[in-house]
Amino acid sequence: MSRLRIAIHGSPKRDDEAIALEALDIATALTIADINLGSGDAEIWEGDRRLARLAKLGGEHATFWRVG
C-alpha cells in the first residue's frame, strides 16, 4: 500500500511555502489537513498523481471544505 502525501499551503498568495506530511489512507490525510490548515489550500497526492485539492473556507467556527 502506498502512502499519501499532504501538501499544505499556508496562503494562496504563497504557494511556494508548503509543508508535506504523510498519511496511510484518505481519512487520515483529511484529518491531517483539517488539523494543520488554518486557511489556504492543501493537496493530497499519491505518488505523482494529485487526488484532490482542498480549500478550507468559512469562519472561525463554521469551516467547510471545497474539494476540487
PDB file of N, CA and C in Angstrom:
ATOM      1  N   MET A   1       0.852  -1.181   0.000  1.00  0.00           N
ATOM      2  CA  MET A   1       0.000   0.000   0.000  1.00  0.00           C
ATOM      3  C   MET A   1       0.893   1.237   0.000  1.00  0.00           C
ATOM      4  N   SER A   2       0.600   2.166  -0.878  1.00  0.00           N
ATOM      5  CA  SER A   2       1.409   3.380  -0.954  1.00  0.00           C
ATOM      6  C   SER A   2       0.884   4.424   0.029  1.00  0.00           C
ATOM      7  N   ARG A   3       1.780   5.248   0.462  1.00  0.00           N
ATOM      8  CA  ARG A   3       1.415   6.336   1.367  1.00  0.00           C
ATOM      9  C   ARG A   3       0.929   7.527   0.573  1.00  0.00           C
ATOM     10  N   LEU A   4       0.085   8.314   1.203  1.00  0.00           N
ATOM     11  CA  LEU A   4      -0.384   9.555   0.604  1.00  0.00           C
ATOM     12  C   LEU A   4       0.441  10.707   1.157  1.00  0.00           C
ATOM     13  N   ARG A   5       0.607  11.738   0.360  1.00  0.00           N
ATOM     14  CA  ARG A   5       1.327  12.936   0.788  1.00  0.00           C
ATOM     15  C   ARG A   5       0.345  14.092   0.803  1.00  0.00           C
ATOM     16  N   ILE A   6       0.357  14.868   1.883  1.00  0.00           N
ATOM     17  CA  ILE A   6      -0.493  16.039   2.019  1.00  0.00           C
ATOM     18  C   ILE A   6       0.412  17.259   1.940  1.00  0.00           C
ATOM     19  N   ALA A   7       0.236  18.065   0.907  1.00  0.00           N
ATOM     20  CA  ALA A   7       0.998  19.306   0.750  1.00  0.00           C
ATOM     21  C   ALA A   7       0.106  20.439   1.234  1.00  0.00           C
ATOM     22  N   ILE A   8       0.536  21.114   2.288  1.00  0.00           N
ATOM     23  CA  ILE A   8      -0.253  22.182   2.898  1.00  0.00           C
ATOM     24  C   ILE A   8       0.362  23.518   2.545  1.00  0.00           C
ATOM     25  N   HIS A   9      -0.444  24.361   1.914  1.00  0.00           N
ATOM     26  CA  HIS A   9      -0.014  25.694   1.506  1.00  0.00           C
ATOM     27  C   HIS A   9      -0.621  26.686   2.482  1.00  0.00           C
ATOM     28  N   GLY A  10       0.215  27.501   3.103  1.00  0.00           N
ATOM     29  CA  GLY A  10      -0.252  28.441   4.116  1.00  0.00           C
ATOM     30  C   GLY A  10      -1.162  29.521   3.585  1.00  0.00           C
ATOM     31  N   SER A  11      -0.972  29.924   2.345  1.00  0.00           N
ATOM     32  CA  SER A  11      -1.749  31.020   1.788  1.00  0.00           C
ATOM     33  C   SER A  11      -1.793  30.877   0.276  1.00  0.00           C
ATOM     34  N   PRO A  12      -2.919  31.173  -0.350  1.00  0.00           N
ATOM     35  CA  PRO A  12      -2.971  31.095  -1.806  1.00  0.00           C
ATOM     36  C   PRO A  12      -1.955  32.012  -2.494  1.00  0.00           C
ATOM     37  N   LYS A  13      -1.522  33.074  -1.822  1.00  0.00           N
ATOM     38  CA  LYS A  13      -0.557  34.006  -2.386  1.00  0.00           C
ATOM     39  C   LYS A  13       0.881  33.511  -2.247  1.00  0.00           C
ATOM     40  N   ARG A  14       1.103  32.476  -1.427  1.00  0.00           N
ATOM     41  CA  ARG A  14       2.453  31.993  -1.165  1.00  0.00           C
ATOM     42  C   ARG A  14       2.521  30.483  -1.340  1.00  0.00           C
ATOM     43  N   ASP A  15       2.169  29.996  -2.538  1.00  0.00           N
ATOM     44  CA  ASP A  15       2.171  28.559  -2.817  1.00  0.00           C
ATOM     45  C   ASP A  15       3.553  27.926  -2.702  1.00  0.00           C
ATOM     46  N   ASP A  16       4.602  28.742  -2.802  1.00  0.00           N
ATOM     47  CA  ASP A  16       5.948  28.197  -2.731  1.00  0.00           C
ATOM     48  C   ASP A  16       6.324  27.766  -1.318  1.00  0.00           C
ATOM     49  N   GLU A  17       5.570  28.182  -0.321  1.00  0.00           N
ATOM     50  CA  GLU A  17       5.847  27.818   1.065  1.00  0.00           C
ATOM     51  C   GLU A  17       4.852  26.750   1.507  1.00  0.00           C
ATOM     52  N   ALA A  18       5.174  25.508   1.228  1.00  0.00           N
ATOM     53  CA  ALA A  18       4.295  24.398   1.580  1.00  0.00           C
ATOM     54  C   ALA A  18       5.045  23.429   2.488  1.00  0.00           C
ATOM     55  N   ILE A  19       4.284  22.751   3.339  1.00  0.00           N
ATOM     56  CA  ILE A  19       4.853  21.653   4.113  1.00  0.00           C
ATOM     57  C   ILE A  19       4.197  20.375   3.611  1.00  0.00           C
ATOM     58  N   ALA A  20       4.893  19.271   3.720  1.00  0.00           N
ATOM     59  CA  ALA A  20       4.366  17.997   3.258  1.00  0.00           C
ATOM     60  C   ALA A  20       4.372  17.003   4.410  1.00  0.00           C
ATOM     61  N   LEU A  21       3.259  16.306   4.567  1.00  0.00           N
ATOM     62  CA  LEU A  21       3.115  15.283   5.597  1.00  0.00           C
ATOM     63  C   LEU A  21       2.614  14.011   4.932  1.00  0.00           C
ATOM     64  N   GLU A  22       2.821  12.860   5.566  1.00  0.00           N
ATOM     65  CA  GLU A  22       2.387  11.588   5.007  1.00  0.00           C
ATOM     66  C   GLU A  22       1.242  11.008   5.799  1.00  0.00           C
ATOM     67  N   ALA A  23       0.400  10.236   5.102  1.00  0.00           N
ATOM     68  CA  ALA A  23      -0.717   9.542   5.735  1.00  0.00           C
ATOM     69  C   ALA A  23      -0.855   8.161   5.104  1.00  0.00           C
ATOM     70  N   LEU A  24      -1.435   7.235   5.850  1.00  0.00           N
ATOM     71  CA  LEU A  24      -1.621   5.880   5.353  1.00  0.00           C
ATOM     72  C   LEU A  24      -2.870   5.731   4.490  1.00  0.00           C
ATOM     73  N   ASP A  25      -3.895   6.578   4.741  1.00  0.00           N
ATOM     74  CA  ASP A  25      -5.146   6.456   4.000  1.00  0.00           C
ATOM     75  C   ASP A  25      -5.798   7.823   3.849  1.00  0.00           C
ATOM     76  N   ILE A  26      -6.869   7.894   3.059  1.00  0.00           N
ATOM     77  CA  ILE A  26      -7.507   9.168   2.753  1.00  0.00           C
ATOM     78  C   ILE A  26      -8.159   9.792   3.991  1.00  0.00           C
ATOM     79  N   ALA A  27      -8.752   8.989   4.870  1.00  0.00           N
ATOM     80  CA  ALA A  27      -9.375   9.528   6.081  1.00  0.00           C
ATOM     81  C   ALA A  27      -8.337  10.219   6.960  1.00  0.00           C
ATOM     82  N   THR A  28      -7.184   9.593   7.109  1.00  0.00           N
ATOM     83  CA  THR A  28      -6.106  10.191   7.898  1.00  0.00           C
ATOM     84  C   THR A  28      -5.566  11.435   7.207  1.00  0.00           C
ATOM     85  N   ALA A  29      -5.466  11.411   5.885  1.00  0.00           N
ATOM     86  CA  ALA A  29      -4.991  12.582   5.139  1.00  0.00           C
ATOM     87  C   ALA A  29      -5.911  13.775   5.354  1.00  0.00           C
ATOM     88  N   LEU A  30      -7.216  13.541   5.309  1.00  0.00           N
ATOM     89  CA  LEU A  30      -8.171  14.630   5.532  1.00  0.00           C
ATOM     90  C   LEU A  30      -8.096  15.156   6.962  1.00  0.00           C
ATOM     91  N   THR A  31      -7.907  14.281   7.913  1.00  0.00           N
ATOM     92  CA  THR A  31      -7.765  14.700   9.311  1.00  0.00           C
ATOM     93  C   THR A  31      -6.507  15.535   9.494  1.00  0.00           C
ATOM     94  N   ILE A  32      -5.407  15.113   8.909  1.00  0.00           N
ATOM     95  CA  ILE A  32      -4.149  15.865   8.990  1.00  0.00           C
ATOM     96  C   ILE A  32      -4.328  17.250   8.371  1.00  0.00           C
ATOM     97  N   ALA A  33      -4.973  17.313   7.225  1.00  0.00           N
ATOM     98  CA  ALA A  33      -5.204  18.603   6.577  1.00  0.00           C
ATOM     99  C   ALA A  33      -6.081  19.489   7.453  1.00  0.00           C
ATOM    100  N   ASP A  34      -7.118  18.936   8.042  1.00  0.00           N
ATOM    101  CA  ASP A  34      -8.027  19.713   8.880  1.00  0.00           C
ATOM    102  C   ASP A  34      -7.307  20.291  10.099  1.00  0.00           C
ATOM    103  N   ILE A  35      -6.475  19.497  10.719  1.00  0.00           N
ATOM    104  CA  ILE A  35      -5.754  19.937  11.924  1.00  0.00           C
ATOM    105  C   ILE A  35      -4.695  20.988  11.585  1.00  0.00           C
ATOM    106  N   ASN A  36      -4.002  20.812  10.478  1.00  0.00           N
ATOM    107  CA  ASN A  36      -2.842  21.650  10.172  1.00  0.00           C
ATOM    108  C   ASN A  36      -3.110  22.833   9.268  1.00  0.00           C
ATOM    109  N   LEU A  37      -4.312  22.950   8.735  1.00  0.00           N
ATOM    110  CA  LEU A  37      -4.613  24.041   7.816  1.00  0.00           C
ATOM    111  C   LEU A  37      -5.563  25.025   8.470  1.00  0.00           C
ATOM    112  N   GLY A  38      -5.038  26.207   8.803  1.00  0.00           N
ATOM    113  CA  GLY A  38      -5.888  27.257   9.346  1.00  0.00           C
ATOM    114  C   GLY A  38      -6.668  27.940   8.246  1.00  0.00           C
ATOM    115  N   SER A  39      -5.968  28.300   7.200  1.00  0.00           N
ATOM    116  CA  SER A  39      -6.582  28.871   5.999  1.00  0.00           C
ATOM    117  C   SER A  39      -5.635  28.587   4.852  1.00  0.00           C
ATOM    118  N   GLY A  40      -6.149  28.684   3.659  1.00  0.00           N
ATOM    119  CA  GLY A  40      -5.324  28.385   2.493  1.00  0.00           C
ATOM    120  C   GLY A  40      -5.743  27.086   1.850  1.00  0.00           C
ATOM    121  N   ASP A  41      -4.809  26.440   1.171  1.00  0.00           N
ATOM    122  CA  ASP A  41      -5.103  25.243   0.390  1.00  0.00           C
ATOM    123  C   ASP A  41      -4.210  24.087   0.803  1.00  0.00           C
ATOM    124  N   ALA A  42      -4.673  22.897   0.456  1.00  0.00           N
ATOM    125  CA  ALA A  42      -3.879  21.683   0.631  1.00  0.00           C
ATOM    126  C   ALA A  42      -4.146  20.777  -0.557  1.00  0.00           C
ATOM    127  N   GLU A  43      -3.204  19.905  -0.834  1.00  0.00           N
ATOM    128  CA  GLU A  43      -3.356  18.929  -1.900  1.00  0.00           C
ATOM    129  C   GLU A  43      -3.022  17.554  -1.346  1.00  0.00           C
ATOM    130  N   ILE A  44      -3.758  16.556  -1.810  1.00  0.00           N
ATOM    131  CA  ILE A  44      -3.475  15.173  -1.428  1.00  0.00           C
ATOM    132  C   ILE A  44      -2.950  14.469  -2.667  1.00  0.00           C
ATOM    133  N   TRP A  45      -1.769  13.860  -2.525  1.00  0.00           N
ATOM    134  CA  TRP A  45      -1.071  13.215  -3.633  1.00  0.00           C
ATOM    135  C   TRP A  45      -0.847  11.742  -3.329  1.00  0.00           C
ATOM    136  N   GLU A  46      -0.919  10.928  -4.371  1.00  0.00           N
ATOM    137  CA  GLU A  46      -0.497   9.534  -4.306  1.00  0.00           C
ATOM    138  C   GLU A  46       0.573   9.372  -5.376  1.00  0.00           C
ATOM    139  N   GLY A  47       1.812   9.334  -4.947  1.00  0.00           N
ATOM    140  CA  GLY A  47       2.924   9.348  -5.896  1.00  0.00           C
ATOM    141  C   GLY A  47       2.948  10.669  -6.636  1.00  0.00           C
ATOM    142  N   ASP A  48       2.913  10.627  -7.959  1.00  0.00           N
ATOM    143  CA  ASP A  48       2.926  11.860  -8.750  1.00  0.00           C
ATOM    144  C   ASP A  48       1.522  12.244  -9.236  1.00  0.00           C
ATOM    145  N   ARG A  49       0.494  11.602  -8.696  1.00  0.00           N
ATOM    146  CA  ARG A  49      -0.894  11.868  -9.103  1.00  0.00           C
ATOM    147  C   ARG A  49      -1.636  12.624  -7.989  1.00  0.00           C
ATOM    148  N   ARG A  50      -2.136  13.819  -8.323  1.00  0.00           N
ATOM    149  CA  ARG A  50      -2.904  14.586  -7.339  1.00  0.00           C
ATOM    150  C   ARG A  50      -4.306  14.001  -7.262  1.00  0.00           C
ATOM    151  N   LEU A  51      -4.713  13.632  -6.041  1.00  0.00           N
ATOM    152  CA  LEU A  51      -6.041  13.069  -5.829  1.00  0.00           C
ATOM    153  C   LEU A  51      -7.077  14.153  -5.572  1.00  0.00           C
ATOM    154  N   ALA A  52      -6.674  15.216  -4.866  1.00  0.00           N
ATOM    155  CA  ALA A  52      -7.626  16.277  -4.523  1.00  0.00           C
ATOM    156  C   ALA A  52      -6.890  17.547  -4.169  1.00  0.00           C
ATOM    157  N   ARG A  53      -7.558  18.660  -4.429  1.00  0.00           N
ATOM    158  CA  ARG A  53      -7.107  19.970  -3.956  1.00  0.00           C
ATOM    159  C   ARG A  53      -8.189  20.464  -3.013  1.00  0.00           C
ATOM    160  N   LEU A  54      -7.790  20.845  -1.809  1.00  0.00           N
ATOM    161  CA  LEU A  54      -8.715  21.247  -0.761  1.00  0.00           C
ATOM    162  C   LEU A  54      -8.544  22.722  -0.440  1.00  0.00           C
ATOM    163  N   ALA A  55      -9.640  23.380  -0.156  1.00  0.00           N
ATOM    164  CA  ALA A  55      -9.604  24.760   0.324  1.00  0.00           C
ATOM    165  C   ALA A  55     -10.519  24.834   1.542  1.00  0.00           C
ATOM    166  N   LYS A  56      -9.988  25.307   2.651  1.00  0.00           N
ATOM    167  CA  LYS A  56     -10.773  25.442   3.877  1.00  0.00           C
ATOM    168  C   LYS A  56     -11.403  26.827   3.873  1.00  0.00           C
ATOM    169  N   LEU A  57     -12.722  26.872   3.935  1.00  0.00           N
ATOM    170  CA  LEU A  57     -13.465  28.120   3.842  1.00  0.00           C
ATOM    171  C   LEU A  57     -14.352  28.299   5.066  1.00  0.00           C
ATOM    172  N   GLY A  58     -14.910  29.494   5.193  1.00  0.00           N
ATOM    173  CA  GLY A  58     -15.824  29.777   6.290  1.00  0.00           C
ATOM    174  C   GLY A  58     -15.152  30.568   7.385  1.00  0.00           C
ATOM    175  N   GLY A  59     -15.848  30.695   8.466  1.00  0.00           N
ATOM    176  CA  GLY A  59     -15.358  31.486   9.586  1.00  0.00           C
ATOM    177  C   GLY A  59     -14.529  30.683  10.553  1.00  0.00           C
ATOM    178  N   GLU A  60     -14.339  31.250  11.704  1.00  0.00           N
ATOM    179  CA  GLU A  60     -13.500  30.621  12.720  1.00  0.00           C
ATOM    180  C   GLU A  60     -14.142  29.341  13.277  1.00  0.00           C
ATOM    181  N   HIS A  61     -15.467  29.306  13.360  1.00  0.00           N
ATOM    182  CA  HIS A  61     -16.136  28.154  13.981  1.00  0.00           C
ATOM    183  C   HIS A  61     -16.986  27.344  13.002  1.00  0.00           C
ATOM    184  N   ALA A  62     -17.273  27.853  11.843  1.00  0.00           N
ATOM    185  CA  ALA A  62     -18.133  27.150  10.891  1.00  0.00           C
ATOM    186  C   ALA A  62     -17.390  26.906   9.584  1.00  0.00           C
ATOM    187  N   THR A  63     -16.290  26.175   9.679  1.00  0.00           N
ATOM    188  CA  THR A  63     -15.484  25.926   8.480  1.00  0.00           C
ATOM    189  C   THR A  63     -16.094  24.809   7.640  1.00  0.00           C
ATOM    190  N   PHE A  64     -15.771  24.845   6.371  1.00  0.00           N
ATOM    191  CA  PHE A  64     -16.158  23.775   5.470  1.00  0.00           C
ATOM    192  C   PHE A  64     -15.093  23.664   4.389  1.00  0.00           C
ATOM    193  N   TRP A  65     -15.120  22.567   3.643  1.00  0.00           N
ATOM    194  CA  TRP A  65     -14.106  22.289   2.636  1.00  0.00           C
ATOM    195  C   TRP A  65     -14.679  22.427   1.229  1.00  0.00           C
ATOM    196  N   ARG A  66     -13.904  23.017   0.347  1.00  0.00           N
ATOM    197  CA  ARG A  66     -14.178  22.961  -1.081  1.00  0.00           C
ATOM    198  C   ARG A  66     -13.142  21.985  -1.650  1.00  0.00           C
ATOM    199  N   VAL A  67     -13.635  20.953  -2.318  1.00  0.00           N
ATOM    200  CA  VAL A  67     -12.766  19.910  -2.858  1.00  0.00           C
ATOM    201  C   VAL A  67     -12.785  19.975  -4.375  1.00  0.00           C
ATOM    202  N   GLY A  68     -11.611  20.000  -4.966  1.00  0.00           N
ATOM    203  CA  GLY A  68     -11.513  20.034  -6.422  1.00  0.00           C
ATOM    204  C   GLY A  68     -10.563  19.003  -6.928  1.00  0.00           C
TER     205      GLY A  68
END
